[in-house]
Amino acid sequence: MPSVRDKYEDTSKVTFDHVVIGLKHGLRYARAGWNGKGMYIRYVNPHCDPLVKSADNHAKADGTPLPWLGMKTADGGFVPWLASQTDILASDWEIAR
């Protein structure tokens, strides 16, 4: 039986409900219409993601860090990302390699 990850890796274009499941299984996604080369979103778990430094120290001072979605930008940055209504309703999502 294929894993959830295998199921979503085999799909070339998906809707946002599929994207959320795939993100939680470590996949990266981009919209076909995004103009920036190399842009994608991914799930960030602050407790085990190497991008997030000193999560335990922040937890003591500022509360418990929670997972979030981040975007790799066209200029090579990585920032928190919030889906627009257009993103949520789109069906042109693709797995980013």
PDB file of N, CA and C in Angstrom:
ATOM      1  N   MET A   1       0.844  -1.173   0.000  1.00  0.00           N
ATOM      2  CA  MET A   1       0.000   0.000   0.000  1.00  0.00           C
ATOM      3  C   MET A   1       0.900   1.252   0.000  1.00  0.00           C
ATOM      4  N   PRO A   2       0.665   2.212  -0.926  1.00  0.00           N
ATOM      5  CA  PRO A   2       1.516   3.401  -0.972  1.00  0.00           C
ATOM      6  C   PRO A   2       1.308   4.293   0.252  1.00  0.00           C
ATOM      7  N   SER A   3       2.378   4.950   0.658  1.00  0.00           N
ATOM      8  CA  SER A   3       2.286   5.881   1.777  1.00  0.00           C
ATOM      9  C   SER A   3       1.593   7.161   1.319  1.00  0.00           C
ATOM     10  N   VAL A   4       1.195   7.975   2.285  1.00  0.00           N
ATOM     11  CA  VAL A   4       0.576   9.267   1.961  1.00  0.00           C
ATOM     12  C   VAL A   4       1.555  10.091   1.145  1.00  0.00           C
ATOM     13  N   ARG A   5       2.831  10.072   1.532  1.00  0.00           N
ATOM     14  CA  ARG A   5       3.849  10.827   0.797  1.00  0.00           C
ATOM     15  C   ARG A   5       3.924  10.371  -0.651  1.00  0.00           C
ATOM     16  N   ASP A   6       3.948   9.054  -0.895  1.00  0.00           N
ATOM     17  CA  ASP A   6       3.994   8.531  -2.266  1.00  0.00           C
ATOM     18  C   ASP A   6       2.774   8.977  -3.060  1.00  0.00           C
ATOM     19  N   LYS A   7       1.625   8.964  -2.424  1.00  0.00           N
ATOM     20  CA  LYS A   7       0.385   9.357  -3.103  1.00  0.00           C
ATOM     21  C   LYS A   7       0.475  10.785  -3.616  1.00  0.00           C
ATOM     22  N   TYR A   8       1.005  11.695  -2.795  1.00  0.00           N
ATOM     23  CA  TYR A   8       1.062  13.098  -3.199  1.00  0.00           C
ATOM     24  C   TYR A   8       2.274  13.424  -4.054  1.00  0.00           C
ATOM     25  N   GLU A   9       3.323  12.621  -3.993  1.00  0.00           N
ATOM     26  CA  GLU A   9       4.460  12.824  -4.895  1.00  0.00           C
ATOM     27  C   GLU A   9       4.082  12.445  -6.322  1.00  0.00           C
ATOM     28  N   ASP A  10       3.155  11.508  -6.478  1.00  0.00           N
ATOM     29  CA  ASP A  10       2.741  11.063  -7.815  1.00  0.00           C
ATOM     30  C   ASP A  10       1.775  12.035  -8.484  1.00  0.00           C
ATOM     31  N   THR A  11       1.271  12.995  -7.748  1.00  0.00           N
ATOM     32  CA  THR A  11       0.301  13.936  -8.295  1.00  0.00           C
ATOM     33  C   THR A  11       1.030  15.181  -8.768  1.00  0.00           C
ATOM     34  N   SER A  12       0.842  15.568 -10.028  1.00  0.00           N
ATOM     35  CA  SER A  12       1.566  16.729 -10.545  1.00  0.00           C
ATOM     36  C   SER A  12       0.870  18.050 -10.222  1.00  0.00           C
ATOM     37  N   LYS A  13      -0.453  18.064 -10.204  1.00  0.00           N
ATOM     38  CA  LYS A  13      -1.179  19.287  -9.863  1.00  0.00           C
ATOM     39  C   LYS A  13      -2.276  18.946  -8.860  1.00  0.00           C
ATOM     40  N   VAL A  14      -2.349  19.750  -7.818  1.00  0.00           N
ATOM     41  CA  VAL A  14      -3.275  19.452  -6.743  1.00  0.00           C
ATOM     42  C   VAL A  14      -3.951  20.720  -6.234  1.00  0.00           C
ATOM     43  N   THR A  15      -4.987  20.550  -5.426  1.00  0.00           N
ATOM     44  CA  THR A  15      -5.666  21.665  -4.780  1.00  0.00           C
ATOM     45  C   THR A  15      -5.077  21.869  -3.387  1.00  0.00           C
ATOM     46  N   PHE A  16      -5.449  22.967  -2.743  1.00  0.00           N
ATOM     47  CA  PHE A  16      -4.823  23.341  -1.482  1.00  0.00           C
ATOM     48  C   PHE A  16      -5.050  22.318  -0.373  1.00  0.00           C
ATOM     49  N   ASP A  17      -6.189  21.624  -0.368  1.00  0.00           N
ATOM     50  CA  ASP A  17      -6.401  20.609   0.666  1.00  0.00           C
ATOM     51  C   ASP A  17      -5.367  19.494   0.551  1.00  0.00           C
ATOM     52  N   HIS A  18      -4.980  19.139  -0.667  1.00  0.00           N
ATOM     53  CA  HIS A  18      -3.917  18.160  -0.863  1.00  0.00           C
ATOM     54  C   HIS A  18      -2.562  18.750  -0.455  1.00  0.00           C
ATOM     55  N   VAL A  19      -2.368  20.014  -0.730  1.00  0.00           N
ATOM     56  CA  VAL A  19      -1.109  20.681  -0.397  1.00  0.00           C
ATOM     57  C   VAL A  19      -0.853  20.606   1.110  1.00  0.00           C
ATOM     58  N   VAL A  20      -1.854  20.894   1.909  1.00  0.00           N
ATOM     59  CA  VAL A  20      -1.683  20.880   3.364  1.00  0.00           C
ATOM     60  C   VAL A  20      -1.237  19.499   3.841  1.00  0.00           C
ATOM     61  N   ILE A  21      -1.836  18.456   3.334  1.00  0.00           N
ATOM     62  CA  ILE A  21      -1.450  17.094   3.722  1.00  0.00           C
ATOM     63  C   ILE A  21      -0.021  16.801   3.273  1.00  0.00           C
ATOM     64  N   GLY A  22       0.290  17.145   2.021  1.00  0.00           N
ATOM     65  CA  GLY A  22       1.640  16.913   1.514  1.00  0.00           C
ATOM     66  C   GLY A  22       2.700  17.688   2.276  1.00  0.00           C
ATOM     67  N   LEU A  23       2.393  18.941   2.645  1.00  0.00           N
ATOM     68  CA  LEU A  23       3.335  19.756   3.414  1.00  0.00           C
ATOM     69  C   LEU A  23       3.680  19.072   4.738  1.00  0.00           C
ATOM     70  N   LYS A  24       2.685  18.529   5.395  1.00  0.00           N
ATOM     71  CA  LYS A  24       2.903  17.861   6.684  1.00  0.00           C
ATOM     72  C   LYS A  24       3.719  16.586   6.542  1.00  0.00           C
ATOM     73  N   HIS A  25       3.843  16.081   5.317  1.00  0.00           N
ATOM     74  CA  HIS A  25       4.649  14.889   5.052  1.00  0.00           C
ATOM     75  C   HIS A  25       5.983  15.240   4.388  1.00  0.00           C
ATOM     76  N   GLY A  26       6.362  16.520   4.447  1.00  0.00           N
ATOM     77  CA  GLY A  26       7.686  16.927   4.004  1.00  0.00           C
ATOM     78  C   GLY A  26       7.815  17.365   2.558  1.00  0.00           C
ATOM     79  N   LEU A  27       6.702  17.463   1.827  1.00  0.00           N
ATOM     80  CA  LEU A  27       6.780  17.914   0.446  1.00  0.00           C
ATOM     81  C   LEU A  27       6.807  19.441   0.386  1.00  0.00           C
ATOM     82  N   ARG A  28       7.311  19.962  -0.713  1.00  0.00           N
ATOM     83  CA  ARG A  28       7.317  21.400  -0.985  1.00  0.00           C
ATOM     84  C   ARG A  28       6.408  21.656  -2.175  1.00  0.00           C
ATOM     85  N   TYR A  29       5.720  22.807  -2.170  1.00  0.00           N
ATOM     86  CA  TYR A  29       4.775  23.121  -3.235  1.00  0.00           C
ATOM     87  C   TYR A  29       4.966  24.543  -3.746  1.00  0.00           C
ATOM     88  N   ALA A  30       4.562  24.741  -4.997  1.00  0.00           N
ATOM     89  CA  ALA A  30       4.565  26.069  -5.617  1.00  0.00           C
ATOM     90  C   ALA A  30       3.339  26.171  -6.510  1.00  0.00           C
ATOM     91  N   ARG A  31       2.907  27.387  -6.763  1.00  0.00           N
ATOM     92  CA  ARG A  31       1.838  27.644  -7.727  1.00  0.00           C
ATOM     93  C   ARG A  31       2.442  27.727  -9.115  1.00  0.00           C
ATOM     94  N   ALA A  32       1.769  27.180 -10.096  1.00  0.00           N
ATOM     95  CA  ALA A  32       2.252  27.227 -11.480  1.00  0.00           C
ATOM     96  C   ALA A  32       2.399  28.672 -11.956  1.00  0.00           C
ATOM     97  N   GLY A  33       1.571  29.567 -11.454  1.00  0.00           N
ATOM     98  CA  GLY A  33       1.588  30.953 -11.895  1.00  0.00           C
ATOM     99  C   GLY A  33       2.594  31.852 -11.195  1.00  0.00           C
ATOM    100  N   TRP A  34       3.299  31.325 -10.190  1.00  0.00           N
ATOM    101  CA  TRP A  34       4.289  32.155  -9.516  1.00  0.00           C
ATOM    102  C   TRP A  34       5.431  32.454 -10.481  1.00  0.00           C
ATOM    103  N   ASN A  35       5.814  33.707 -10.555  1.00  0.00           N
ATOM    104  CA  ASN A  35       6.831  34.131 -11.511  1.00  0.00           C
ATOM    105  C   ASN A  35       8.262  33.936 -11.029  1.00  0.00           C
ATOM    106  N   GLY A  36       8.453  33.919  -9.740  1.00  0.00           N
ATOM    107  CA  GLY A  36       9.807  33.818  -9.217  1.00  0.00           C
ATOM    108  C   GLY A  36      10.383  32.417  -9.347  1.00  0.00           C
ATOM    109  N   LYS A  37      11.547  32.309  -9.916  1.00  0.00           N
ATOM    110  CA  LYS A  37      12.204  31.021 -10.080  1.00  0.00           C
ATOM    111  C   LYS A  37      12.642  30.467  -8.728  1.00  0.00           C
ATOM    112  N   GLY A  38      12.329  29.213  -8.470  1.00  0.00           N
ATOM    113  CA  GLY A  38      12.753  28.551  -7.241  1.00  0.00           C
ATOM    114  C   GLY A  38      11.879  28.817  -6.030  1.00  0.00           C
ATOM    115  N   MET A  39      10.764  29.532  -6.193  1.00  0.00           N
ATOM    116  CA  MET A  39       9.885  29.807  -5.063  1.00  0.00           C
ATOM    117  C   MET A  39       9.103  28.550  -4.688  1.00  0.00           C
ATOM    118  N   TYR A  40       8.902  28.343  -3.391  1.00  0.00           N
ATOM    119  CA  TYR A  40       8.068  27.243  -2.918  1.00  0.00           C
ATOM    120  C   TYR A  40       7.645  27.536  -1.483  1.00  0.00           C
ATOM    121  N   ILE A  41       6.672  26.762  -0.995  1.00  0.00           N
ATOM    122  CA  ILE A  41       6.302  26.810   0.416  1.00  0.00           C
ATOM    123  C   ILE A  41       6.609  25.454   1.026  1.00  0.00           C
ATOM    124  N   ARG A  42       6.860  25.478   2.332  1.00  0.00           N
ATOM    125  CA  ARG A  42       7.064  24.220   3.052  1.00  0.00           C
ATOM    126  C   ARG A  42       6.641  24.397   4.506  1.00  0.00           C
ATOM    127  N   TYR A  43       6.392  23.274   5.148  1.00  0.00           N
ATOM    128  CA  TYR A  43       6.004  23.203   6.552  1.00  0.00           C
ATOM    129  C   TYR A  43       7.250  23.337   7.415  1.00  0.00           C
ATOM    130  N   VAL A  44       7.188  24.145   8.452  1.00  0.00           N
ATOM    131  CA  VAL A  44       8.318  24.336   9.359  1.00  0.00           C
ATOM    132  C   VAL A  44       7.895  23.903  10.757  1.00  0.00           C
ATOM    133  N   ASN A  45       8.564  22.882  11.260  1.00  0.00           N
ATOM    134  CA  ASN A  45       8.339  22.444  12.637  1.00  0.00           C
ATOM    135  C   ASN A  45       9.484  23.017  13.468  1.00  0.00           C
ATOM    136  N   PRO A  46       9.204  23.970  14.335  1.00  0.00           N
ATOM    137  CA  PRO A  46      10.276  24.661  15.057  1.00  0.00           C
ATOM    138  C   PRO A  46      11.073  23.769  16.008  1.00  0.00           C
ATOM    139  N   HIS A  47      10.562  22.594  16.325  1.00  0.00           N
ATOM    140  CA  HIS A  47      11.259  21.722  17.267  1.00  0.00           C
ATOM    141  C   HIS A  47      12.306  20.848  16.606  1.00  0.00           C
ATOM    142  N   CYS A  48      12.248  20.697  15.283  1.00  0.00           N
ATOM    143  CA  CYS A  48      13.231  19.827  14.630  1.00  0.00           C
ATOM    144  C   CYS A  48      13.747  20.397  13.312  1.00  0.00           C
ATOM    145  N   ASP A  49      13.398  21.617  12.975  1.00  0.00           N
ATOM    146  CA  ASP A  49      13.831  22.209  11.717  1.00  0.00           C
ATOM    147  C   ASP A  49      15.155  22.937  11.919  1.00  0.00           C
ATOM    148  N   PRO A  50      16.176  22.614  11.108  1.00  0.00           N
ATOM    149  CA  PRO A  50      17.469  23.287  11.274  1.00  0.00           C
ATOM    150  C   PRO A  50      17.409  24.779  10.976  1.00  0.00           C
ATOM    151  N   LEU A  51      16.382  25.226  10.248  1.00  0.00           N
ATOM    152  CA  LEU A  51      16.233  26.642   9.938  1.00  0.00           C
ATOM    153  C   LEU A  51      15.916  27.461  11.189  1.00  0.00           C
ATOM    154  N   VAL A  52      15.201  26.840  12.115  1.00  0.00           N
ATOM    155  CA  VAL A  52      14.787  27.535  13.341  1.00  0.00           C
ATOM    156  C   VAL A  52      15.812  27.236  14.426  1.00  0.00           C
ATOM    157  N   LYS A  53      16.480  28.272  14.919  1.00  0.00           N
ATOM    158  CA  LYS A  53      17.542  28.085  15.909  1.00  0.00           C
ATOM    159  C   LYS A  53      17.031  28.339  17.318  1.00  0.00           C
ATOM    160  N   SER A  54      17.494  27.548  18.254  1.00  0.00           N
ATOM    161  CA  SER A  54      17.223  27.740  19.684  1.00  0.00           C
ATOM    162  C   SER A  54      15.733  27.768  20.006  1.00  0.00           C
ATOM    163  N   ALA A  55      14.967  26.853  19.442  1.00  0.00           N
ATOM    164  CA  ALA A  55      13.525  26.821  19.702  1.00  0.00           C
ATOM    165  C   ALA A  55      13.231  26.630  21.186  1.00  0.00           C
ATOM    166  N   ASP A  56      14.024  25.818  21.868  1.00  0.00           N
ATOM    167  CA  ASP A  56      13.784  25.578  23.286  1.00  0.00           C
ATOM    168  C   ASP A  56      14.019  26.833  24.115  1.00  0.00           C
ATOM    169  N   ASN A  57      15.021  27.642  23.775  1.00  0.00           N
ATOM    170  CA  ASN A  57      15.268  28.891  24.512  1.00  0.00           C
ATOM    171  C   ASN A  57      14.117  29.864  24.305  1.00  0.00           C
ATOM    172  N   HIS A  58      13.591  29.957  23.092  1.00  0.00           N
ATOM    173  CA  HIS A  58      12.462  30.842  22.833  1.00  0.00           C
ATOM    174  C   HIS A  58      11.216  30.368  23.576  1.00  0.00           C
ATOM    175  N   ALA A  59      11.038  29.054  23.692  1.00  0.00           N
ATOM    176  CA  ALA A  59       9.858  28.519  24.366  1.00  0.00           C
ATOM    177  C   ALA A  59       9.803  28.984  25.815  1.00  0.00           C
ATOM    178  N   LYS A  60      10.955  29.023  26.468  1.00  0.00           N
ATOM    179  CA  LYS A  60      10.988  29.440  27.866  1.00  0.00           C
ATOM    180  C   LYS A  60      10.609  30.916  28.025  1.00  0.00           C
ATOM    181  N   ALA A  61      11.035  31.741  27.083  1.00  0.00           N
ATOM    182  CA  ALA A  61      10.820  33.182  27.206  1.00  0.00           C
ATOM    183  C   ALA A  61       9.514  33.653  26.581  1.00  0.00           C
ATOM    184  N   ASP A  62       9.118  33.062  25.467  1.00  0.00           N
ATOM    185  CA  ASP A  62       8.008  33.619  24.686  1.00  0.00           C
ATOM    186  C   ASP A  62       6.829  32.677  24.506  1.00  0.00           C
ATOM    187  N   GLY A  63       6.834  31.524  25.104  1.00  0.00           N
ATOM    188  CA  GLY A  63       5.768  30.555  24.892  1.00  0.00           C
ATOM    189  C   GLY A  63       6.252  29.422  24.009  1.00  0.00           C
ATOM    190  N   THR A  64       5.383  28.490  23.735  1.00  0.00           N
ATOM    191  CA  THR A  64       5.731  27.322  22.948  1.00  0.00           C
ATOM    192  C   THR A  64       5.709  27.635  21.455  1.00  0.00           C
ATOM    193  N   PRO A  65       6.828  27.434  20.742  1.00  0.00           N
ATOM    194  CA  PRO A  65       6.823  27.652  19.291  1.00  0.00           C
ATOM    195  C   PRO A  65       5.907  26.638  18.612  1.00  0.00           C
ATOM    196  N   LEU A  66       5.152  27.086  17.633  1.00  0.00           N
ATOM    197  CA  LEU A  66       4.224  26.229  16.906  1.00  0.00           C
ATOM    198  C   LEU A  66       4.657  26.107  15.451  1.00  0.00           C
ATOM    199  N   PRO A  67       4.237  25.037  14.763  1.00  0.00           N
ATOM    200  CA  PRO A  67       4.550  24.896  13.341  1.00  0.00           C
ATOM    201  C   PRO A  67       3.956  26.044  12.526  1.00  0.00           C
ATOM    202  N   TRP A  68       4.597  26.327  11.374  1.00  0.00           N
ATOM    203  CA  TRP A  68       4.131  27.388  10.487  1.00  0.00           C
ATOM    204  C   TRP A  68       4.532  27.049   9.064  1.00  0.00           C
ATOM    205  N   LEU A  69       3.994  27.783   8.104  1.00  0.00           N
ATOM    206  CA  LEU A  69       4.357  27.609   6.702  1.00  0.00           C
ATOM    207  C   LEU A  69       5.319  28.724   6.316  1.00  0.00           C
ATOM    208  N   GLY A  70       6.377  28.350   5.607  1.00  0.00           N
ATOM    209  CA  GLY A  70       7.355  29.319   5.152  1.00  0.00           C
ATOM    210  C   GLY A  70       7.491  29.270   3.648  1.00  0.00           C
ATOM    211  N   MET A  71       7.957  30.375   3.075  1.00  0.00           N
ATOM    212  CA  MET A  71       8.146  30.466   1.628  1.00  0.00           C
ATOM    213  C   MET A  71       9.591  30.812   1.313  1.00  0.00           C
ATOM    214  N   LYS A  72      10.173  30.062   0.369  1.00  0.00           N
ATOM    215  CA  LYS A  72      11.459  30.439  -0.195  1.00  0.00           C
ATOM    216  C   LYS A  72      11.160  31.466  -1.268  1.00  0.00           C
ATOM    217  N   THR A  73      11.748  32.619  -1.149  1.00  0.00           N
ATOM    218  CA  THR A  73      11.471  33.718  -2.070  1.00  0.00           C
ATOM    219  C   THR A  73      12.369  33.651  -3.301  1.00  0.00           C
ATOM    220  N   ALA A  74      12.006  34.406  -4.316  1.00  0.00           N
ATOM    221  CA  ALA A  74      12.767  34.423  -5.571  1.00  0.00           C
ATOM    222  C   ALA A  74      14.193  34.923  -5.371  1.00  0.00           C
ATOM    223  N   ASP A  75      14.406  35.758  -4.350  1.00  0.00           N
ATOM    224  CA  ASP A  75      15.750  36.290  -4.117  1.00  0.00           C
ATOM    225  C   ASP A  75      16.548  35.453  -3.107  1.00  0.00           C
ATOM    226  N   GLY A  76      16.039  34.264  -2.774  1.00  0.00           N
ATOM    227  CA  GLY A  76      16.782  33.347  -1.906  1.00  0.00           C
ATOM    228  C   GLY A  76      16.494  33.462  -0.428  1.00  0.00           C
ATOM    229  N   GLY A  77      15.558  34.321  -0.040  1.00  0.00           N
ATOM    230  CA  GLY A  77      15.190  34.436   1.366  1.00  0.00           C
ATOM    231  C   GLY A  77      14.201  33.350   1.764  1.00  0.00           C
ATOM    232  N   PHE A  78      13.892  33.281   3.047  1.00  0.00           N
ATOM    233  CA  PHE A  78      12.880  32.357   3.551  1.00  0.00           C
ATOM    234  C   PHE A  78      12.078  33.099   4.603  1.00  0.00           C
ATOM    235  N   VAL A  79      10.759  33.233   4.380  1.00  0.00           N
ATOM    236  CA  VAL A  79       9.915  34.057   5.234  1.00  0.00           C
ATOM    237  C   VAL A  79       8.637  33.307   5.612  1.00  0.00           C
ATOM    238  N   PRO A  80       7.994  33.687   6.729  1.00  0.00           N
ATOM    239  CA  PRO A  80       6.676  33.133   7.025  1.00  0.00           C
ATOM    240  C   PRO A  80       5.717  33.457   5.876  1.00  0.00           C
ATOM    241  N   TRP A  81       4.796  32.541   5.602  1.00  0.00           N
ATOM    242  CA  TRP A  81       3.885  32.696   4.467  1.00  0.00           C
ATOM    243  C   TRP A  81       2.457  32.493   4.938  1.00  0.00           C
ATOM    244  N   LEU A  82       1.552  33.329   4.428  1.00  0.00           N
ATOM    245  CA  LEU A  82       0.130  33.222   4.715  1.00  0.00           C
ATOM    246  C   LEU A  82      -0.609  33.111   3.391  1.00  0.00           C
ATOM    247  N   ALA A  83      -1.426  32.073   3.244  1.00  0.00           N
ATOM    248  CA  ALA A  83      -2.154  31.843   1.991  1.00  0.00           C
ATOM    249  C   ALA A  83      -3.233  32.900   1.782  1.00  0.00           C
ATOM    250  N   SER A  84      -3.340  33.375   0.548  1.00  0.00           N
ATOM    251  CA  SER A  84      -4.432  34.276   0.184  1.00  0.00           C
ATOM    252  C   SER A  84      -5.654  33.427  -0.193  1.00  0.00           C
ATOM    253  N   GLN A  85      -6.800  34.054  -0.345  1.00  0.00           N
ATOM    254  CA  GLN A  85      -7.985  33.326  -0.794  1.00  0.00           C
ATOM    255  C   GLN A  85      -7.747  32.720  -2.171  1.00  0.00           C
ATOM    256  N   THR A  86      -7.032  33.435  -3.029  1.00  0.00           N
ATOM    257  CA  THR A  86      -6.709  32.925  -4.357  1.00  0.00           C
ATOM    258  C   THR A  86      -5.861  31.663  -4.254  1.00  0.00           C
ATOM    259  N   ASP A  87      -4.870  31.664  -3.369  1.00  0.00           N
ATOM    260  CA  ASP A  87      -4.022  30.485  -3.176  1.00  0.00           C
ATOM    261  C   ASP A  87      -4.847  29.294  -2.686  1.00  0.00           C
ATOM    262  N   ILE A  88      -5.727  29.528  -1.727  1.00  0.00           N
ATOM    263  CA  ILE A  88      -6.527  28.457  -1.132  1.00  0.00           C
ATOM    264  C   ILE A  88      -7.466  27.836  -2.164  1.00  0.00           C
ATOM    265  N   LEU A  89      -8.022  28.636  -3.060  1.00  0.00           N
ATOM    266  CA  LEU A  89      -8.994  28.135  -4.037  1.00  0.00           C
ATOM    267  C   LEU A  89      -8.357  27.679  -5.352  1.00  0.00           C
ATOM    268  N   ALA A  90      -7.054  27.856  -5.504  1.00  0.00           N
ATOM    269  CA  ALA A  90      -6.377  27.508  -6.755  1.00  0.00           C
ATOM    270  C   ALA A  90      -6.243  25.999  -6.932  1.00  0.00           C
ATOM    271  N   SER A  91      -6.179  25.579  -8.184  1.00  0.00           N
ATOM    272  CA  SER A  91      -5.935  24.163  -8.487  1.00  0.00           C
ATOM    273  C   SER A  91      -4.685  24.008  -9.362  1.00  0.00           C
ATOM    274  N   ASP A  92      -3.795  24.987  -9.290  1.00  0.00           N
ATOM    275  CA  ASP A  92      -2.563  24.921 -10.078  1.00  0.00           C
ATOM    276  C   ASP A  92      -1.328  24.687  -9.219  1.00  0.00           C
ATOM    277  N   TRP A  93      -1.507  24.077  -8.064  1.00  0.00           N
ATOM    278  CA  TRP A  93      -0.385  23.753  -7.182  1.00  0.00           C
ATOM    279  C   TRP A  93       0.419  22.609  -7.783  1.00  0.00           C
ATOM    280  N   GLU A  94       1.727  22.700  -7.639  1.00  0.00           N
ATOM    281  CA  GLU A  94       2.628  21.660  -8.131  1.00  0.00           C
ATOM    282  C   GLU A  94       3.656  21.329  -7.063  1.00  0.00           C
ATOM    283  N   ILE A  95       4.110  20.100  -7.062  1.00  0.00           N
ATOM    284  CA  ILE A  95       5.177  19.726  -6.147  1.00  0.00           C
ATOM    285  C   ILE A  95       6.455  20.391  -6.629  1.00  0.00           C
ATOM    286  N   ALA A  96       7.142  21.069  -5.711  1.00  0.00           N
ATOM    287  CA  ALA A  96       8.412  21.745  -6.044  1.00  0.00           C
ATOM    288  C   ALA A  96       9.543  20.767  -5.751  1.00  0.00           C
ATOM    289  N   ARG A  97      10.415  20.636  -6.666  1.00  0.00           N
ATOM    290  CA  ARG A  97      11.560  19.695  -6.507  1.00  0.00           C
ATOM    291  C   ARG A  97      12.772  20.415  -6.007  1.00  0.00           C
TER     292      ARG A  97
END
